[in-house]
Amino acid sequence: MSSTKPAFENLIPEGDHLERAVCTRCGFIDYQNPKMVVGSVIATQERILLCRRAIEPRSGFWTVPAGYLELHETPDEGAAREAAEEANADISIEGILGVYSIPHISQIQIMFRATFRNQVDFSPGIESLDVRLFGWADIPWQEIAFPSVHWALHAWYRGRHAPLGLPDRNPA
């Protein structure tokens, strides 16, 4: 009786230049691609909504509402969903604030600029210990979870009174 289980080997497929896991029985190529993370800098009256993480990595540190994009979801839908999950916030997406590449963990992060949809209403979601609005001078910079959160907050600050232009990118 022959096995129908895939038999993967690391090979360079014809026409490719990278080694991939290829099924030697059927030729299927198991492409490994970056994960997409979406989030938003949500502001009202010069104050920014931050969430204190209740999960690893970086539990206890502050971040903007963000997480992995789900299948069949647009980036702006994902950012709005993350705000609802992490901060019980109903938001309006204004546009793309920044696109950040984090190659050492195979992530592409799309951060949006957003506001509260109807009213300023929020509370900790299941992945947050606390959520608060911070003025720029009061942001707990030493307790920010990830470099990309620093980048997104600074991009928001630089352009907070201007129409959105080209998205911010990784610093040099």
C-alpha atoms as a PDB file:
ATOM      1  CA  MET A   1       0.000   0.000   0.000  1.00  0.00           C
ATOM      2  CA  SER A   2       1.525   3.333  -1.036  1.00  0.00           C
ATOM      3  CA  SER A   3       1.497   6.371   1.187  1.00  0.00           C
ATOM      4  CA  THR A   4      -0.428   9.457   0.073  1.00  0.00           C
ATOM      5  CA  LYS A   5       1.239  11.736   2.599  1.00  0.00           C
ATOM      6  CA  PRO A   6       3.302  14.544   1.089  1.00  0.00           C
ATOM      7  CA  ALA A   7       7.051  13.988   1.064  1.00  0.00           C
ATOM      8  CA  PHE A   8       8.707  17.387   1.365  1.00  0.00           C
ATOM      9  CA  GLU A   9      12.300  18.130   0.506  1.00  0.00           C
ATOM     10  CA  ASN A  10      14.065  21.475   0.522  1.00  0.00           C
ATOM     11  CA  LEU A  11      14.755  22.246  -3.137  1.00  0.00           C
ATOM     12  CA  ILE A  12      15.107  25.234  -5.410  1.00  0.00           C
ATOM     13  CA  PRO A  13      12.070  25.006  -7.721  1.00  0.00           C
ATOM     14  CA  GLU A  14      12.592  25.576 -11.416  1.00  0.00           C
ATOM     15  CA  GLY A  15      12.522  29.293 -12.176  1.00  0.00           C
ATOM     16  CA  ASP A  16      13.053  30.220  -8.519  1.00  0.00           C
ATOM     17  CA  HIS A  17      16.180  31.324  -6.691  1.00  0.00           C
ATOM     18  CA  LEU A  18      15.318  30.343  -3.109  1.00  0.00           C
ATOM     19  CA  GLU A  19      15.146  26.979  -1.430  1.00  0.00           C
ATOM     20  CA  ARG A  20      11.556  25.944  -0.669  1.00  0.00           C
ATOM     21  CA  ALA A  21       9.797  22.931   0.824  1.00  0.00           C
ATOM     22  CA  VAL A  22       8.632  20.991  -2.268  1.00  0.00           C
ATOM     23  CA  CYS A  23       6.488  17.856  -2.251  1.00  0.00           C
ATOM     24  CA  THR A  24       8.391  15.267  -4.269  1.00  0.00           C
ATOM     25  CA  ARG A  25       5.139  13.382  -4.980  1.00  0.00           C
ATOM     26  CA  CYS A  26       2.931  16.131  -6.393  1.00  0.00           C
ATOM     27  CA  GLY A  27       5.206  19.157  -6.884  1.00  0.00           C
ATOM     28  CA  PHE A  28       3.354  21.398  -4.403  1.00  0.00           C
ATOM     29  CA  ILE A  29       5.578  24.253  -3.201  1.00  0.00           C
ATOM     30  CA  ASP A  30       5.047  25.349   0.401  1.00  0.00           C
ATOM     31  CA  TYR A  31       5.827  29.057   0.189  1.00  0.00           C
ATOM     32  CA  GLN A  32       6.569  30.720   3.527  1.00  0.00           C
ATOM     33  CA  ASN A  33       5.658  34.406   3.394  1.00  0.00           C
ATOM     34  CA  PRO A  34       5.740  37.294   5.875  1.00  0.00           C
ATOM     35  CA  LYS A  35       2.903  37.814   8.317  1.00  0.00           C
ATOM     36  CA  MET A  36       0.879  40.999   7.951  1.00  0.00           C
ATOM     37  CA  VAL A  37       0.298  43.058  11.090  1.00  0.00           C
ATOM     38  CA  VAL A  38      -2.215  45.908  11.077  1.00  0.00           C
ATOM     39  CA  GLY A  39      -2.854  48.547  13.700  1.00  0.00           C
ATOM     40  CA  SER A  40      -3.724  52.168  14.260  1.00  0.00           C
ATOM     41  CA  VAL A  41      -2.695  55.276  16.092  1.00  0.00           C
ATOM     42  CA  ILE A  42      -6.065  56.451  17.414  1.00  0.00           C
ATOM     43  CA  ALA A  43      -6.156  60.069  18.516  1.00  0.00           C
ATOM     44  CA  THR A  44      -8.628  62.521  19.930  1.00  0.00           C
ATOM     45  CA  GLN A  45      -7.845  66.102  20.980  1.00  0.00           C
ATOM     46  CA  GLU A  46      -4.070  65.544  20.758  1.00  0.00           C
ATOM     47  CA  ARG A  47      -4.267  62.439  22.953  1.00  0.00           C
ATOM     48  CA  ILE A  48      -3.392  58.930  21.761  1.00  0.00           C
ATOM     49  CA  LEU A  49      -5.002  55.658  22.813  1.00  0.00           C
ATOM     50  CA  LEU A  50      -2.482  53.105  24.092  1.00  0.00           C
ATOM     51  CA  CYS A  51      -3.060  49.577  25.374  1.00  0.00           C
ATOM     52  CA  ARG A  52      -0.998  47.840  28.062  1.00  0.00           C
ATOM     53  CA  ARG A  53      -0.411  44.327  26.734  1.00  0.00           C
ATOM     54  CA  ALA A  54      -1.826  41.371  28.685  1.00  0.00           C
ATOM     55  CA  ILE A  55      -0.125  38.826  26.417  1.00  0.00           C
ATOM     56  CA  GLU A  56       3.381  37.931  25.328  1.00  0.00           C
ATOM     57  CA  PRO A  57       5.479  39.103  23.745  1.00  0.00           C
ATOM     58  CA  ARG A  58       6.115  42.172  25.892  1.00  0.00           C
ATOM     59  CA  SER A  59       3.267  41.668  28.342  1.00  0.00           C
ATOM     60  CA  GLY A  60       2.871  44.749  30.555  1.00  0.00           C
ATOM     61  CA  PHE A  61       4.264  47.144  27.938  1.00  0.00           C
ATOM     62  CA  TRP A  62       2.277  49.773  26.049  1.00  0.00           C
ATOM     63  CA  THR A  63       1.351  49.569  22.374  1.00  0.00           C
ATOM     64  CA  VAL A  64      -1.152  50.827  19.852  1.00  0.00           C
ATOM     65  CA  PRO A  65      -4.004  48.417  19.077  1.00  0.00           C
ATOM     66  CA  ALA A  66      -2.535  46.054  16.474  1.00  0.00           C
ATOM     67  CA  GLY A  67      -2.328  42.403  15.498  1.00  0.00           C
ATOM     68  CA  TYR A  68      -2.257  39.893  12.685  1.00  0.00           C
ATOM     69  CA  LEU A  69      -4.441  40.408   9.641  1.00  0.00           C
ATOM     70  CA  GLU A  70      -6.970  37.585   9.245  1.00  0.00           C
ATOM     71  CA  LEU A  71      -7.776  35.744   6.033  1.00  0.00           C
ATOM     72  CA  HIS A  72     -10.399  37.454   3.838  1.00  0.00           C
ATOM     73  CA  GLU A  73      -9.958  40.761   5.696  1.00  0.00           C
ATOM     74  CA  THR A  74      -8.759  44.078   4.298  1.00  0.00           C
ATOM     75  CA  PRO A  75      -5.982  45.872   6.216  1.00  0.00           C
ATOM     76  CA  ASP A  76      -8.295  48.679   7.377  1.00  0.00           C
ATOM     77  CA  GLU A  77     -10.940  46.143   8.486  1.00  0.00           C
ATOM     78  CA  GLY A  78      -8.236  44.319  10.442  1.00  0.00           C
ATOM     79  CA  ALA A  79      -7.028  47.502  12.135  1.00  0.00           C
ATOM     80  CA  ALA A  80     -10.602  48.374  13.147  1.00  0.00           C
ATOM     81  CA  ARG A  81     -11.138  44.829  14.455  1.00  0.00           C
ATOM     82  CA  GLU A  82      -7.923  44.985  16.497  1.00  0.00           C
ATOM     83  CA  ALA A  83      -9.051  48.297  18.074  1.00  0.00           C
ATOM     84  CA  ALA A  84     -12.371  46.657  18.995  1.00  0.00           C
ATOM     85  CA  GLU A  85     -10.681  43.520  20.397  1.00  0.00           C
ATOM     86  CA  GLU A  86      -7.935  45.244  22.377  1.00  0.00           C
ATOM     87  CA  ALA A  87      -9.666  48.456  23.468  1.00  0.00           C
ATOM     88  CA  ASN A  88     -13.400  48.003  22.812  1.00  0.00           C
ATOM     89  CA  ALA A  89     -13.034  51.065  20.578  1.00  0.00           C
ATOM     90  CA  ASP A  90     -15.128  51.832  17.491  1.00  0.00           C
ATOM     91  CA  ILE A  91     -12.845  53.735  15.129  1.00  0.00           C
ATOM     92  CA  SER A  92     -12.777  55.492  11.769  1.00  0.00           C
ATOM     93  CA  ILE A  93      -9.687  54.868   9.666  1.00  0.00           C
ATOM     94  CA  GLU A  94      -8.320  58.042   8.040  1.00  0.00           C
ATOM     95  CA  GLY A  95      -5.602  56.353   5.974  1.00  0.00           C
ATOM     96  CA  ILE A  96      -2.204  54.703   6.028  1.00  0.00           C
ATOM     97  CA  LEU A  97       0.247  56.294   8.441  1.00  0.00           C
ATOM     98  CA  GLY A  98       3.203  53.953   7.930  1.00  0.00           C
ATOM     99  CA  VAL A  99       4.396  50.686   6.437  1.00  0.00           C
ATOM    100  CA  TYR A 100       7.195  49.020   8.373  1.00  0.00           C
ATOM    101  CA  SER A 101       9.294  45.986   7.434  1.00  0.00           C
ATOM    102  CA  ILE A 102      10.517  43.777  10.259  1.00  0.00           C
ATOM    103  CA  PRO A 103      12.481  41.116   8.346  1.00  0.00           C
ATOM    104  CA  HIS A 104      14.058  39.347  11.348  1.00  0.00           C
ATOM    105  CA  ILE A 105      10.568  38.193  12.398  1.00  0.00           C
ATOM    106  CA  SER A 106       9.115  38.107   8.845  1.00  0.00           C
ATOM    107  CA  GLN A 107       6.507  40.816   9.414  1.00  0.00           C
ATOM    108  CA  ILE A 108       5.158  43.677   7.379  1.00  0.00           C
ATOM    109  CA  GLN A 109       3.285  46.149   9.576  1.00  0.00           C
ATOM    110  CA  ILE A 110       0.711  48.580   8.215  1.00  0.00           C
ATOM    111  CA  MET A 111      -0.217  51.308  10.680  1.00  0.00           C
ATOM    112  CA  PHE A 112      -3.195  53.584  10.114  1.00  0.00           C
ATOM    113  CA  ARG A 113      -4.155  56.996  11.454  1.00  0.00           C
ATOM    114  CA  ALA A 114      -7.580  56.800  13.081  1.00  0.00           C
ATOM    115  CA  THR A 115     -10.102  58.593  15.269  1.00  0.00           C
ATOM    116  CA  PHE A 116     -13.005  57.415  17.403  1.00  0.00           C
ATOM    117  CA  ARG A 117     -16.086  56.910  15.238  1.00  0.00           C
ATOM    118  CA  ASN A 118     -18.904  58.468  17.286  1.00  0.00           C
ATOM    119  CA  GLN A 119     -17.721  58.985  20.823  1.00  0.00           C
ATOM    120  CA  VAL A 120     -14.571  58.559  22.838  1.00  0.00           C
ATOM    121  CA  ASP A 121     -15.390  55.249  24.463  1.00  0.00           C
ATOM    122  CA  PHE A 122     -12.928  52.470  25.277  1.00  0.00           C
ATOM    123  CA  SER A 123     -12.068  49.838  27.875  1.00  0.00           C
ATOM    124  CA  PRO A 124      -9.576  46.982  28.133  1.00  0.00           C
ATOM    125  CA  GLY A 125     -10.239  44.058  25.827  1.00  0.00           C
ATOM    126  CA  ILE A 126      -9.143  40.498  26.563  1.00  0.00           C
ATOM    127  CA  GLU A 127      -5.556  41.154  25.334  1.00  0.00           C
ATOM    128  CA  SER A 128      -5.130  44.384  27.331  1.00  0.00           C
ATOM    129  CA  LEU A 129      -4.478  45.014  31.012  1.00  0.00           C
ATOM    130  CA  ASP A 130      -5.294  48.712  30.673  1.00  0.00           C
ATOM    131  CA  VAL A 131      -6.123  51.280  27.990  1.00  0.00           C
ATOM    132  CA  ARG A 132      -5.598  55.019  28.333  1.00  0.00           C
ATOM    133  CA  LEU A 133      -5.392  58.250  26.418  1.00  0.00           C
ATOM    134  CA  PHE A 134      -1.973  59.915  26.631  1.00  0.00           C
ATOM    135  CA  GLY A 135      -0.877  63.406  25.730  1.00  0.00           C
ATOM    136  CA  TRP A 136       2.399  63.457  23.797  1.00  0.00           C
ATOM    137  CA  ALA A 137       4.475  64.495  26.827  1.00  0.00           C
ATOM    138  CA  ASP A 138       2.892  61.791  28.993  1.00  0.00           C
ATOM    139  CA  ILE A 139       3.521  58.766  26.756  1.00  0.00           C
ATOM    140  CA  PRO A 140       5.500  56.171  28.767  1.00  0.00           C
ATOM    141  CA  TRP A 141       8.301  56.007  26.179  1.00  0.00           C
ATOM    142  CA  GLN A 142      10.468  53.636  28.228  1.00  0.00           C
ATOM    143  CA  GLU A 143       7.558  51.185  28.422  1.00  0.00           C
ATOM    144  CA  ILE A 144       6.632  51.071  24.717  1.00  0.00           C
ATOM    145  CA  ALA A 145       6.494  47.452  23.556  1.00  0.00           C
ATOM    146  CA  PHE A 146       8.073  47.551  20.094  1.00  0.00           C
ATOM    147  CA  PRO A 147      10.262  49.832  17.933  1.00  0.00           C
ATOM    148  CA  SER A 148       7.532  50.010  15.277  1.00  0.00           C
ATOM    149  CA  VAL A 149       5.173  51.553  17.863  1.00  0.00           C
ATOM    150  CA  HIS A 150       7.765  54.302  18.445  1.00  0.00           C
ATOM    151  CA  TRP A 151       7.996  54.829  14.674  1.00  0.00           C
ATOM    152  CA  ALA A 152       4.210  54.997  14.229  1.00  0.00           C
ATOM    153  CA  LEU A 153       3.729  57.390  17.152  1.00  0.00           C
ATOM    154  CA  HIS A 154       6.421  59.715  15.822  1.00  0.00           C
ATOM    155  CA  ALA A 155       4.930  59.546  12.308  1.00  0.00           C
ATOM    156  CA  TRP A 156       1.545  60.517  13.785  1.00  0.00           C
ATOM    157  CA  TYR A 157       3.099  63.403  15.724  1.00  0.00           C
ATOM    158  CA  ARG A 158       4.949  64.792  12.689  1.00  0.00           C
ATOM    159  CA  GLY A 159       1.818  64.721  10.528  1.00  0.00           C
ATOM    160  CA  ARG A 160      -0.975  65.129  13.045  1.00  0.00           C
ATOM    161  CA  HIS A 161      -2.166  68.486  11.655  1.00  0.00           C
ATOM    162  CA  ALA A 162      -1.583  67.695   7.985  1.00  0.00           C
ATOM    163  CA  PRO A 163      -3.368  65.578   5.411  1.00  0.00           C
ATOM    164  CA  LEU A 164      -1.906  62.115   5.069  1.00  0.00           C
ATOM    165  CA  GLY A 165       0.865  61.913   2.506  1.00  0.00           C
ATOM    166  CA  LEU A 166       3.226  59.101   1.627  1.00  0.00           C
ATOM    167  CA  PRO A 167       3.343  56.472   4.361  1.00  0.00           C
ATOM    168  CA  ASP A 168       6.167  56.590   6.868  1.00  0.00           C
ATOM    169  CA  ARG A 169       8.802  53.835   6.583  1.00  0.00           C
ATOM    170  CA  ASN A 170      11.488  52.244   8.737  1.00  0.00           C
ATOM    171  CA  PRO A 171      14.071  54.738   9.952  1.00  0.00           C
ATOM    172  CA  ALA A 172      17.576  54.423   8.527  1.00  0.00           C
END
